[in-house]
């Protein structure tokens, strides 16, 4: 049996549990980072209300053409 196959077969339940916990932790961390980035961008956009209105007009004009 190859070395890689032996490693796959010999994975302990504790290792599987740790790997699953690590995946959950990373998923949670990515969600927090995504939320923080969205919040930062939203605050940045709110500094320019005229751009929000211009973007709305542009998007609505594009939707009317389609």
Protein backbone atom coordinates (compact mmCIF):
# COMPACT_ATOMS: atom_id res chain seq x y z
CA UNK A 1 0.00 0.00 0.00
CA UNK A 2 1.35 3.45 -0.80
CA UNK A 3 2.34 5.84 1.96
CA UNK A 4 -0.44 8.31 1.10
CA UNK A 5 -3.07 5.59 1.21
CA UNK A 6 -1.75 4.43 4.59
CA UNK A 7 -2.07 7.97 5.96
CA UNK A 8 -5.66 8.24 4.73
CA UNK A 9 -6.60 4.90 6.30
CA UNK A 10 -4.90 5.69 9.63
CA UNK A 11 -6.68 9.02 10.30
CA UNK A 12 -7.94 8.86 13.86
CA UNK A 13 -11.41 9.99 14.95
CA UNK A 14 -9.78 12.69 17.09
CA UNK A 15 -7.95 14.03 14.03
CA UNK A 16 -11.18 14.04 12.02
CA UNK A 17 -12.91 15.93 14.82
CA UNK A 18 -10.08 18.49 15.03
CA UNK A 19 -10.16 18.95 11.26
CA UNK A 20 -13.92 19.46 11.35
CA UNK A 21 -13.57 21.98 14.20
CA UNK A 22 -10.84 23.80 12.25
CA UNK A 23 -13.09 24.01 9.18
CA UNK A 24 -15.93 25.41 11.29
CA UNK A 25 -13.59 27.94 12.89
CA UNK A 26 -12.27 29.08 9.51
CA UNK A 27 -15.80 29.33 8.12
CA UNK A 28 -16.79 31.49 11.11
CA UNK A 29 -13.69 33.63 10.73
CA UNK A 30 -14.34 34.17 7.01
CA UNK A 31 -17.93 35.17 7.80
CA UNK A 32 -16.70 37.74 10.33
CA UNK A 33 -14.12 39.09 7.87
CA UNK A 34 -16.75 39.32 5.12
CA UNK A 35 -19.14 41.15 7.46
CA UNK A 36 -16.40 43.57 8.50
CA UNK A 37 -15.46 44.26 4.89
CA UNK A 38 -19.09 44.88 3.90
CA UNK A 39 -19.53 47.21 6.86
CA UNK A 40 -16.36 49.13 6.01
CA UNK A 41 -17.44 49.51 2.39
CA UNK A 42 -20.92 50.59 3.42
CA UNK A 43 -19.50 53.28 5.70
CA UNK A 44 -17.19 54.38 2.93
CA UNK A 45 -20.07 54.63 0.48
CA UNK A 46 -22.20 56.60 2.92
CA UNK A 47 -19.57 59.35 2.80
CA UNK A 48 -20.64 60.03 -0.80
CA UNK A 49 -24.47 60.16 -1.00
CA UNK A 50 -24.33 61.81 -4.42
CA UNK A 51 -22.58 58.73 -5.81
CA UNK A 52 -25.31 56.52 -4.41
CA UNK A 53 -27.93 58.55 -6.26
CA UNK A 54 -25.88 58.51 -9.48
CA UNK A 55 -25.42 54.77 -9.21
CA UNK A 56 -29.15 54.29 -8.66
CA UNK A 57 -29.94 56.32 -11.77
CA UNK A 58 -27.40 54.38 -13.83
CA UNK A 59 -28.70 50.99 -12.69
CA UNK A 60 -32.34 51.95 -13.23
CA UNK A 61 -31.51 53.21 -16.75
CA UNK A 62 -29.78 49.93 -17.55
CA UNK A 63 -32.78 47.93 -16.31
CA UNK A 64 -35.17 49.96 -18.45
CA UNK A 65 -33.13 49.16 -21.57
CA UNK A 66 -33.22 45.41 -20.97
